[in-house]
Each structure stands twice: as C-alpha cells, then as structure tokens.
C-alpha cells in the first residue's frame, strides 16, 4: 500500500555547499574559543579564580561559551534562511 511521496521537492536545499561551509567555519570559531578555555584550565588554572565583579573568570567564560553557541546558531539560521529565500526568488 504505497501512497508515494508526501510532497514533491524540486531541489534539496539542505545540500547547499555554502551552508555546509558556513557551519564548518562557525564550528572552528567556537572550537578555538573553547580550546582557549581548556588551555587556560590546563596551563594555569589560577586565572580562573580571578574575580570579575561578583563572579570569577570560569563562570563568566562558561556563560560566554553558552551565549556564543546560541548567537552562532541564530546567525547560522538567519543566513541560511535568507540564502534559501534568495534561491527561491531566482
């Protein structure tokens, strides 16, 4: 009992090389910043004890990593959605 495909796709927009390249670039950016966090912890973990206001560097850096991941995801989504809309207009 085959009903066929639910929708007919003219092209698969998920396979766009620009989106893949952008994703890899953003991954490398995040990885370098996260590696900095790890290197500071391994090389001289006393740096993480330095106070920034009422918090220490470890907490601030950790929150920066979380917020950075969210910001990169929003930027990626915006750029990819805009690119898909541009390809539809053509």
Protein backbone atom coordinates (compact mmCIF):
# COMPACT_ATOMS: atom_id res chain seq x y z
CA UNK A 1 0.00 0.00 0.00
CA UNK A 2 2.27 2.77 -1.30
CA UNK A 3 0.95 6.30 -1.27
CA UNK A 4 4.03 7.87 -2.82
CA UNK A 5 5.90 10.87 -1.51
CA UNK A 6 4.07 13.38 0.68
CA UNK A 7 5.46 16.29 -1.33
CA UNK A 8 7.44 16.75 -4.49
CA UNK A 9 10.70 18.60 -3.95
CA UNK A 10 12.29 20.34 -6.89
CA UNK A 11 15.65 20.60 -5.16
CA UNK A 12 17.07 19.64 -1.79
CA UNK A 13 18.13 22.90 -0.14
CA UNK A 14 19.84 21.08 2.73
CA UNK A 15 22.71 20.10 0.43
CA UNK A 16 23.86 23.64 -0.30
CA UNK A 17 27.65 23.86 -0.05
CA UNK A 18 27.54 27.44 1.26
CA UNK A 19 25.57 26.35 4.32
CA UNK A 20 27.97 23.49 4.95
CA UNK A 21 30.98 25.80 4.66
CA UNK A 22 29.38 28.35 6.98
CA UNK A 23 28.64 25.63 9.52
CA UNK A 24 32.23 24.41 9.44
CA UNK A 25 33.61 27.95 9.81
CA UNK A 26 31.34 28.62 12.80
CA UNK A 27 32.31 25.28 14.32
CA UNK A 28 36.01 26.15 14.00
CA UNK A 29 35.44 29.58 15.58
CA UNK A 30 33.63 28.03 18.54
CA UNK A 31 36.21 25.25 18.86
CA UNK A 32 39.10 27.75 19.02
CA UNK A 33 37.36 29.76 21.74
CA UNK A 34 36.51 26.60 23.68
CA UNK A 35 40.10 25.38 23.27
CA UNK A 36 41.19 28.65 24.88
CA UNK A 37 39.01 27.78 27.87
CA UNK A 38 40.60 24.33 28.10
CA UNK A 39 44.14 25.64 27.66
CA UNK A 40 43.66 28.21 30.43
CA UNK A 41 42.40 25.45 32.73
CA UNK A 42 45.28 23.12 31.94
CA UNK A 43 48.10 25.66 31.69
CA UNK A 44 47.33 27.96 34.62
CA UNK A 45 44.04 27.30 36.37
CA UNK A 46 44.71 30.14 38.84
CA UNK A 47 43.48 32.50 36.12
CA UNK A 48 40.01 31.05 36.51
CA UNK A 49 39.92 32.22 40.14
CA UNK A 50 40.30 35.90 39.25
CA UNK A 51 37.20 37.86 40.20
CA UNK A 52 35.19 39.81 37.66
CA UNK A 53 32.68 41.70 39.73
CA UNK A 54 30.99 39.12 41.94
CA UNK A 55 31.84 36.21 39.60
CA UNK A 56 35.09 34.53 38.67
CA UNK A 57 36.62 34.07 35.21
CA UNK A 58 35.50 30.44 34.96
CA UNK A 59 31.82 31.31 35.39
CA UNK A 60 31.99 34.30 33.06
CA UNK A 61 33.88 32.32 30.40
CA UNK A 62 31.39 29.46 30.72
CA UNK A 63 28.42 31.76 30.23
CA UNK A 64 30.18 33.41 27.29
CA UNK A 65 30.58 29.99 25.68
CA UNK A 66 26.88 29.21 26.14
CA UNK A 67 25.75 32.59 24.81
CA UNK A 68 28.22 32.37 21.91
CA UNK A 69 26.78 28.99 20.89
CA UNK A 70 23.28 30.46 20.87
CA UNK A 71 24.36 33.56 18.94
CA UNK A 72 26.18 31.46 16.34
CA UNK A 73 23.10 29.26 15.94
CA UNK A 74 20.85 32.29 15.42
CA UNK A 75 23.28 33.80 12.90
CA UNK A 76 23.54 30.48 11.05
CA UNK A 77 19.77 30.13 10.93
CA UNK A 78 19.31 33.71 9.68
CA UNK A 79 21.96 33.43 6.96
CA UNK A 80 20.72 30.04 5.75
CA UNK A 81 17.08 31.10 5.72
CA UNK A 82 17.97 34.25 3.78
CA UNK A 83 20.01 32.19 1.30
CA UNK A 84 17.08 29.81 0.75
CA UNK A 85 14.71 32.72 0.15
CA UNK A 86 17.13 34.19 -2.39
CA UNK A 87 17.34 30.91 -4.30
CA UNK A 88 13.52 30.73 -4.45
CA UNK A 89 13.29 34.24 -5.91
CA UNK A 90 15.72 33.48 -8.75
